C-alpha cells in the first residue's frame, strides 16, 4: 500500500504545498496525515466546491499546484467551479484532484454509492478531466503523483487521481476536536432521548452517516416502527431541505430533521431558506460533535462557530442550546414541543460510535415506499 507521507513528499517535489477537501473513508490515512500540516497548508472545507475555489485562490497567489481531495459522491459539488472557473477554457487553474472511489464496479458497497461509483469515470471523461487510477503499489503511486502534477501544469487545468479502496497504508487515527472529547453525551443516547420526547406521530428526516444508522438502531431497540423516518443515506447536507419540502407540503405534520454539524455546514445557506419561509411545523435538531464521524473523525468547525446564533440570524422563531446532557435535551424539547414555528435545537455530543452499529437492511426505495404510504401518498 501507499504511505501517505511518501505520496505527499512526491507531490511536494512537484510544487504541491496546499491541500483542501472534504474527508473520505477511503482516503482516511491520507486525510489523517494531512492533519499534521498547519492551516496554511491544509484546510478541511465545508464542501468540495468550496475546496476547489479555495485551491484556485492559492494558485492565483502562489503559482503552485494545489490538491483537492474528496469522496466521489462529492464530485457533483465540484462540477460548477471545475468547469466554469478552473477549466483550461476559462481561467486555466492547474489542480490535482484526489478522489476516493466508493462504489467502484465489482466491489460491494452501500446502495447510495453504487450508481455514483459506476458513473465516476464517465463524469470525469465528460468534464474532459484526465485521470489515473491509484492502486496500492508504492512505486506506481509515485509515478502517478508525478504525472498528475506535470499534467496539471501542462494543460493548465484540473487532473484527477481516482483511488481504489485500500490504496493508502493505515496511519494513526485522526485526533478528535479537543473540545469534544470532554463531553460525556453520546450521539446515540441523545437520539434515544430525542425519540422519547417526540410525539409518535411526528415525521422524521435524518441526515446521512451515523445519525441515520443510529436512528434505525434505536427504533429497533425501542420496538418502534420505522415508517415515519426518511433515512437520507446519501446526498450529504440536503436532509434539512428534504424535511422543509415535506413540512411545506404537509402542514398537518410536525416534521423533525435530525442533522449533523458537517452536513449542516456543507450547505449552510439552507438554514436561511428554512428560517425565512415562515414554516410553523418544523423542528431542526443538529447533533454536533465537531467531527466527520462517519469517515474517520476528522474535525469540522462545529464548535468554532455558533450554530444557534446562525439559526437565530436566519429567522428560526425558537432556538435552544447548545445542550450537552440528556436532562438538558429533555428541558429543551419540553419547551420547543409547547410552541409552534420554525424551531432549532443544537445538541453537542462526543465523537465516536459503538463498533457494532448496524446499517439499514431495507433498500432506500423500500424506505421511501413505507414513508410515503404512512403519509397516505402512493409511491412510484
Protein backbone atom coordinates (compact mmCIF):
# COMPACT_ATOMS: atom_id res chain seq x y z
CA UNK A 1 0.00 0.00 0.00
CA UNK A 2 0.96 3.65 -0.44
CA UNK A 3 2.38 5.53 2.55
CA UNK A 4 0.66 8.95 2.74
CA UNK A 5 3.90 10.61 3.85
CA UNK A 6 5.76 9.33 0.79
CA UNK A 7 2.91 10.31 -1.51
CA UNK A 8 2.86 13.86 -0.10
CA UNK A 9 6.64 14.09 -0.45
CA UNK A 10 6.45 13.24 -4.15
CA UNK A 11 3.68 15.82 -4.60
CA UNK A 12 5.82 18.43 -2.83
CA UNK A 13 8.63 17.76 -5.32
CA UNK A 14 6.16 18.96 -7.96
CA UNK A 15 5.26 22.14 -6.04
CA UNK A 16 2.11 20.85 -4.34
CA UNK A 17 2.16 22.59 -0.97
CA UNK A 18 -1.54 23.19 -0.25
CA UNK A 19 -4.40 20.74 0.35
CA UNK A 20 -8.14 21.30 0.73
CA UNK A 21 -11.09 18.96 0.67
CA UNK A 22 -13.81 17.01 2.44
CA UNK A 23 -12.72 13.81 4.26
CA UNK A 24 -13.46 10.40 2.78
CA UNK A 25 -13.31 6.98 4.41
CA UNK A 26 -11.23 5.52 1.54
CA UNK A 27 -8.76 8.38 1.89
CA UNK A 28 -8.75 8.26 5.71
CA UNK A 29 -4.98 7.53 6.03
CA UNK A 30 -4.16 10.36 3.63
CA UNK A 31 -6.56 12.78 5.39
CA UNK A 32 -5.20 11.78 8.78
CA UNK A 33 -1.65 12.52 7.68
CA UNK A 34 -2.71 15.95 6.39
CA UNK A 35 -3.86 16.83 9.91
CA UNK A 36 -0.18 17.17 10.79
CA UNK A 37 0.11 20.15 8.45
CA UNK A 38 -0.70 23.67 9.61
CA UNK A 39 -3.68 25.70 8.43
CA UNK A 40 -1.61 27.48 5.78
CA UNK A 41 -1.07 24.13 4.10
CA UNK A 42 -4.34 22.27 4.76
CA UNK A 43 -7.98 23.29 5.12
CA UNK A 44 -10.88 20.89 5.69
CA UNK A 45 -13.53 22.60 3.57
CA UNK A 46 -17.27 22.57 4.26
CA UNK A 47 -17.93 21.17 0.78
CA UNK A 48 -15.98 20.06 -2.23
CA UNK A 49 -16.89 23.02 -4.44
CA UNK A 50 -15.55 25.50 -1.92
CA UNK A 51 -12.36 23.41 -1.74
CA UNK A 52 -11.86 23.90 -5.49
CA UNK A 53 -12.41 27.65 -5.14
CA UNK A 54 -10.07 27.84 -2.15
CA UNK A 55 -7.39 25.99 -4.08
CA UNK A 56 -7.90 28.35 -7.00
CA UNK A 57 -7.16 31.31 -4.75
CA UNK A 58 -3.98 29.63 -3.51
CA UNK A 59 -2.81 29.07 -7.10
CA UNK A 60 -3.55 32.66 -8.05
CA UNK A 61 -1.48 33.91 -5.10
CA UNK A 62 1.43 31.47 -5.36
CA UNK A 63 1.57 29.88 -8.81
CA UNK A 64 1.74 26.43 -7.18
CA UNK A 65 -0.48 23.41 -7.91
CA UNK A 66 -2.89 22.73 -5.00
CA UNK A 67 -4.52 19.35 -4.33
CA UNK A 68 -8.24 18.94 -3.66
CA UNK A 69 -9.40 15.66 -2.08
CA UNK A 70 -12.90 14.23 -1.84
CA UNK A 71 -15.10 11.17 -2.00
CA UNK A 72 -16.53 10.61 -5.46
CA UNK A 73 -20.01 11.31 -4.04
CA UNK A 74 -18.82 14.90 -3.64
CA UNK A 75 -17.75 15.21 -7.26
CA UNK A 76 -21.10 16.77 -8.09
CA UNK A 77 -20.38 19.68 -5.74
CA UNK A 78 -17.26 20.47 -7.78
CA UNK A 79 -18.73 20.45 -11.28
CA UNK A 80 -19.59 24.16 -11.41
CA UNK A 81 -16.21 25.52 -10.17
CA UNK A 82 -14.27 22.90 -12.12
CA UNK A 83 -15.98 23.76 -15.41
CA UNK A 84 -16.72 27.49 -15.02
CA UNK A 85 -13.63 28.50 -13.04
CA UNK A 86 -10.68 26.10 -13.20
CA UNK A 87 -11.18 24.71 -16.71
CA UNK A 88 -8.48 25.46 -19.34
CA UNK A 89 -11.14 27.27 -21.41
CA UNK A 90 -11.89 29.68 -18.56
CA UNK A 91 -9.14 30.62 -16.01
CA UNK A 92 -6.81 27.65 -16.61
CA UNK A 93 -6.15 26.67 -12.99
CA UNK A 94 -3.85 23.67 -12.54
CA UNK A 95 -5.21 21.41 -9.79
CA UNK A 96 -4.73 17.82 -8.70
CA UNK A 97 -7.95 16.10 -7.60
CA UNK A 98 -7.61 13.04 -5.34
CA UNK A 99 -10.91 11.15 -5.36
CA UNK A 100 -11.84 8.13 -3.25
CA UNK A 101 -13.71 5.68 -5.47
CA UNK A 102 -16.68 4.45 -3.43
CA UNK A 103 -18.99 2.07 -5.26
CA UNK A 104 -16.26 1.00 -7.67
CA UNK A 105 -17.76 -1.52 -10.12
CA UNK A 106 -17.15 -5.08 -8.99
CA UNK A 107 -16.75 -4.12 -5.32
CA UNK A 108 -19.59 -4.41 -2.79
CA UNK A 109 -20.72 -1.09 -1.32
CA UNK A 110 -23.76 0.66 0.12
CA UNK A 111 -26.72 1.41 -2.21
CA UNK A 112 -26.09 5.17 -2.33
CA UNK A 113 -22.57 4.57 -3.66
CA UNK A 114 -23.31 2.03 -6.40
CA UNK A 115 -24.56 4.42 -9.10
CA UNK A 116 -22.01 7.08 -8.09
CA UNK A 117 -19.23 4.53 -8.45
CA UNK A 118 -20.45 3.27 -11.80
CA UNK A 119 -20.53 6.73 -13.40
CA UNK A 120 -17.50 8.33 -11.74
CA UNK A 121 -15.06 7.69 -14.57
CA UNK A 122 -17.71 8.71 -17.13
CA UNK A 123 -18.23 12.02 -15.26
CA UNK A 124 -14.52 12.77 -15.38
CA UNK A 125 -14.44 11.94 -19.08
CA UNK A 126 -17.50 14.14 -19.73
CA UNK A 127 -15.73 17.03 -17.97
CA UNK A 128 -12.64 16.26 -20.07
CA UNK A 129 -10.50 15.84 -16.96
CA UNK A 130 -7.61 13.39 -17.47
CA UNK A 131 -7.32 10.82 -14.69
CA UNK A 132 -5.24 7.90 -13.47
CA UNK A 133 -6.07 5.02 -11.13
CA UNK A 134 -4.25 4.70 -7.83
CA UNK A 135 -3.81 1.16 -6.52
CA UNK A 136 -1.68 0.06 -3.59
CA UNK A 137 1.61 -0.13 -5.48
CA UNK A 138 4.02 2.41 -3.94
CA UNK A 139 6.31 2.74 -6.98
CA UNK A 140 3.38 3.19 -9.33
CA UNK A 141 1.84 5.73 -6.91
CA UNK A 142 4.96 7.90 -7.10
CA UNK A 143 4.77 7.85 -10.88
CA UNK A 144 1.08 8.73 -10.82
CA UNK A 145 1.69 11.65 -8.43
CA UNK A 146 4.43 12.97 -10.70
CA UNK A 147 2.25 12.52 -13.78
CA UNK A 148 -0.70 14.32 -12.16
CA UNK A 149 1.31 17.38 -11.20
CA UNK A 150 3.11 17.58 -14.54
CA UNK A 151 -0.12 17.07 -16.49
CA UNK A 152 -1.94 19.74 -14.46
CA UNK A 153 0.84 22.20 -15.25
CA UNK A 154 0.97 21.16 -18.89
CA UNK A 155 -2.76 21.57 -19.54
CA UNK A 156 -3.22 24.42 -17.02
CA UNK A 157 -6.27 22.70 -15.66
CA UNK A 158 -7.54 20.01 -13.30
CA UNK A 159 -6.22 16.45 -13.36
CA UNK A 160 -7.67 13.61 -11.25
CA UNK A 161 -6.31 10.63 -9.36
CA UNK A 162 -9.00 8.05 -8.67
CA UNK A 163 -8.06 5.99 -5.60
CA UNK A 164 -9.12 2.37 -5.21
CA UNK A 165 -10.25 1.13 -1.80
CA UNK A 166 -7.19 0.22 0.29
CA UNK A 167 -4.75 2.23 -1.79
CA UNK A 168 -3.25 4.01 1.23
CA UNK A 169 -1.39 2.42 4.12
CA UNK A 170 -3.01 2.88 7.53
CA UNK A 171 -1.79 5.59 9.90
CA UNK A 172 -2.78 6.51 13.46
CA UNK A 173 -6.38 7.67 13.83
CA UNK A 174 -7.13 11.36 13.39
CA UNK A 175 -7.36 13.25 16.68
CA UNK A 176 -10.82 14.47 17.54
CA UNK A 177 -11.52 18.13 18.19
CA UNK A 178 -10.07 18.77 21.67
CA UNK A 179 -13.26 20.43 22.93
CA UNK A 180 -15.42 17.41 22.15
CA UNK A 181 -13.50 14.70 23.98
CA UNK A 182 -14.54 16.19 27.34
CA UNK A 183 -18.21 15.66 26.57
CA UNK A 184 -19.90 12.62 28.11
CA UNK A 185 -23.06 12.59 25.98
CA UNK A 186 -23.03 10.11 23.10
CA UNK A 187 -24.91 10.79 19.90
CA UNK A 188 -26.89 7.54 20.12
CA UNK A 189 -28.07 8.21 23.67
CA UNK A 190 -29.08 11.70 22.54
CA UNK A 191 -31.09 10.22 19.66
CA UNK A 192 -32.74 7.77 22.07
CA UNK A 193 -33.79 10.61 24.38
CA UNK A 194 -35.00 12.73 21.48
CA UNK A 195 -37.24 9.89 20.29
CA UNK A 196 -38.69 9.58 23.80
CA UNK A 197 -39.53 13.30 23.74
CA UNK A 198 -41.17 13.34 20.31
CA UNK A 199 -44.83 12.58 19.73
CA UNK A 200 -45.24 9.18 17.99
CA UNK A 201 -46.96 10.85 15.03
CA UNK A 202 -44.10 13.18 14.02
CA UNK A 203 -42.30 12.74 10.72
CA UNK A 204 -38.51 12.41 10.93
CA UNK A 205 -35.87 13.08 8.28
CA UNK A 206 -32.34 12.05 9.27
CA UNK A 207 -29.08 13.02 7.63
CA UNK A 208 -26.50 10.76 6.02
CA UNK A 209 -23.99 8.74 8.02
CA UNK A 210 -24.11 7.62 11.62
CA UNK A 211 -27.22 9.62 12.54
CA UNK A 212 -29.45 7.63 10.19
CA UNK A 213 -27.80 4.37 11.23
CA UNK A 214 -28.26 5.09 14.94
CA UNK A 215 -31.84 6.25 14.43
CA UNK A 216 -32.52 2.96 12.64
CA UNK A 217 -30.96 1.02 15.54
CA UNK A 218 -32.86 2.95 18.21
CA UNK A 219 -36.18 2.23 16.52
CA UNK A 220 -35.35 -1.48 16.75
CA UNK A 221 -34.24 -1.23 20.39
CA UNK A 222 -37.46 0.59 21.30
CA UNK A 223 -39.53 -1.81 19.16
CA UNK A 224 -40.91 1.13 17.21
CA UNK A 225 -41.96 1.25 13.57
CA UNK A 226 -39.70 2.96 11.06
CA UNK A 227 -42.24 4.15 8.51
CA UNK A 228 -42.20 7.69 9.94
CA UNK A 229 -38.45 8.02 9.22
CA UNK A 230 -36.86 9.07 5.95
CA UNK A 231 -33.21 7.98 6.14
CA UNK A 232 -31.15 10.24 3.89
CA UNK A 233 -28.37 7.73 3.29
CA UNK A 234 -26.73 9.85 0.57
CA UNK A 235 -26.74 13.49 -0.59
CA UNK A 236 -24.89 14.86 2.42
CA UNK A 237 -26.08 18.29 3.54
CA UNK A 238 -29.52 18.10 1.95
CA UNK A 239 -31.63 16.44 4.66
CA UNK A 240 -32.88 19.78 6.03
CA UNK A 241 -34.21 20.81 2.62
CA UNK A 242 -35.94 17.44 2.18
CA UNK A 243 -37.56 17.99 5.58
CA UNK A 244 -38.51 21.53 4.63
CA UNK A 245 -40.20 20.31 1.46
CA UNK A 246 -42.26 17.84 3.47
CA UNK A 247 -43.16 20.46 6.09
CA UNK A 248 -44.30 22.94 3.44
CA UNK A 249 -46.39 20.32 1.65
CA UNK A 250 -47.90 18.78 4.76
CA UNK A 251 -48.82 21.42 7.35
CA UNK A 252 -50.72 18.69 9.20
CA UNK A 253 -47.41 17.01 10.06
CA UNK A 254 -44.78 18.01 12.60
CA UNK A 255 -41.51 17.44 10.73
CA UNK A 256 -38.25 16.86 12.59
CA UNK A 257 -34.85 16.97 10.89
CA UNK A 258 -32.03 15.13 12.68
CA UNK A 259 -28.96 16.80 11.24
CA UNK A 260 -25.20 16.72 11.79
CA UNK A 261 -22.68 19.53 12.10
CA UNK A 262 -20.73 18.53 8.99
CA UNK A 263 -23.92 18.16 6.96
CA UNK A 264 -25.36 21.47 8.20
CA UNK A 265 -22.14 23.32 7.42
CA UNK A 266 -21.84 21.73 3.98
CA UNK A 267 -24.89 23.64 2.70
CA UNK A 268 -25.34 26.23 5.42
CA UNK A 269 -27.39 28.51 3.19
CA UNK A 270 -30.28 26.08 3.57
CA UNK A 271 -30.86 27.42 7.08
CA UNK A 272 -31.62 30.84 5.60
CA UNK A 273 -34.26 29.33 3.32
CA UNK A 274 -35.86 27.43 6.19
CA UNK A 275 -35.79 30.32 8.66
CA UNK A 276 -37.26 32.94 6.36
CA UNK A 277 -40.12 30.85 4.95
CA UNK A 278 -42.38 31.11 7.99
CA UNK A 279 -42.83 27.38 8.47
CA UNK A 280 -44.63 26.60 11.74
CA UNK A 281 -44.34 22.80 11.83
CA UNK A 282 -40.57 22.32 11.62
CA UNK A 283 -38.06 21.23 14.27
CA UNK A 284 -34.38 21.20 13.26
CA UNK A 285 -32.08 19.29 15.64
CA UNK A 286 -28.35 19.40 14.97
CA UNK A 287 -26.24 16.73 16.69
CA UNK A 288 -22.87 18.47 16.78
CA UNK A 289 -19.66 16.57 17.61
CA UNK A 290 -17.28 18.80 15.64
CA UNK A 291 -16.18 15.79 13.61
CA UNK A 292 -16.75 13.99 10.32
CA UNK A 293 -17.54 10.87 12.31
CA UNK A 294 -18.60 8.53 9.51
CA UNK A 295 -15.38 8.88 7.50
CA UNK A 296 -12.66 8.90 10.14
CA UNK A 297 -13.29 11.57 12.75
CA UNK A 298 -11.54 14.47 11.05
CA UNK A 299 -12.56 17.79 12.68
CA UNK A 300 -15.20 20.24 11.49
CA UNK A 301 -15.56 23.82 12.67
CA UNK A 302 -18.75 22.84 14.50
CA UNK A 303 -17.52 24.14 17.86
CA UNK A 304 -15.73 27.16 16.42
CA UNK A 305 -18.94 28.74 15.14
CA UNK A 306 -22.28 29.25 16.88
CA UNK A 307 -24.93 27.24 15.07
CA UNK A 308 -27.59 28.61 17.42
CA UNK A 309 -26.61 32.20 16.60
CA UNK A 310 -26.72 31.32 12.90
CA UNK A 311 -30.19 29.81 13.28
CA UNK A 312 -31.32 32.94 15.12
CA UNK A 313 -29.91 35.17 12.41
CA UNK A 314 -31.57 33.05 9.71
CA UNK A 315 -35.02 33.64 11.19
CA UNK A 316 -35.82 30.49 13.18
CA UNK A 317 -38.53 31.54 15.60
CA UNK A 318 -37.41 29.47 18.61
CA UNK A 319 -33.77 28.49 19.19
CA UNK A 320 -32.33 26.45 22.08
CA UNK A 321 -28.90 25.15 23.02
CA UNK A 322 -26.25 24.16 22.75
CA UNK A 323 -27.15 21.47 25.28
CA UNK A 324 -24.72 18.80 26.50
CA UNK A 325 -26.74 16.41 28.69
CA UNK A 326 -29.81 14.20 28.50
CA UNK A 327 -31.52 16.37 31.10
CA UNK A 328 -30.90 19.49 29.01
CA UNK A 329 -32.26 17.74 25.90
CA UNK A 330 -35.43 16.93 27.84
CA UNK A 331 -35.75 20.51 29.04
CA UNK A 332 -35.05 21.98 25.61
CA UNK A 333 -37.52 19.74 23.79
CA UNK A 334 -40.12 20.19 26.51
CA UNK A 335 -40.07 23.91 25.76
CA UNK A 336 -39.89 23.54 21.97
CA UNK A 337 -42.73 21.00 21.92
CA UNK A 338 -45.02 23.58 23.51
CA UNK A 339 -44.63 26.13 20.73
CA UNK A 340 -45.26 26.22 17.02
CA UNK A 341 -42.99 27.74 14.44
CA UNK A 342 -39.59 27.03 12.93
CA UNK A 343 -37.61 25.63 15.87
CA UNK A 344 -33.92 24.77 16.32
CA UNK A 345 -32.01 22.78 18.91
CA UNK A 346 -28.25 22.20 18.99
CA UNK A 347 -27.05 19.14 20.93
CA UNK A 348 -23.31 18.80 21.49
CA UNK A 349 -22.12 15.20 21.73
CA UNK A 350 -18.81 13.40 21.94
CA UNK A 351 -17.40 11.87 18.73
CA UNK A 352 -17.35 8.17 18.01
CA UNK A 353 -19.89 5.37 17.86
CA UNK A 354 -20.14 1.85 19.17
CA UNK A 355 -18.39 -0.51 16.75
CA UNK A 356 -21.41 -2.72 16.05
CA UNK A 357 -23.83 -0.06 14.84
CA UNK A 358 -25.79 -1.67 12.02
CA UNK A 359 -26.95 -0.38 8.68
CA UNK A 360 -30.49 -0.28 7.29
CA UNK A 361 -31.47 -3.69 5.97
CA UNK A 362 -34.08 -2.32 3.60
CA UNK A 363 -33.21 -0.78 0.26
CA UNK A 364 -33.67 3.01 0.02
CA UNK A 365 -36.66 2.59 -2.29
CA UNK A 366 -38.35 0.39 0.35
CA UNK A 367 -37.80 3.13 2.94
CA UNK A 368 -39.34 5.64 0.52
CA UNK A 369 -42.37 3.43 -0.15
CA UNK A 370 -43.16 2.85 3.54
CA UNK A 371 -42.59 6.52 4.34
CA UNK A 372 -44.95 7.75 1.62
CA UNK A 373 -47.61 5.16 2.39
CA UNK A 374 -47.67 6.35 6.02
CA UNK A 375 -48.38 9.85 4.70
CA UNK A 376 -51.15 8.46 2.52
CA UNK A 377 -49.27 9.13 -0.70
CA UNK A 378 -48.92 6.46 -3.42
CA UNK A 379 -45.24 5.89 -4.28
CA UNK A 380 -43.98 5.29 -7.79
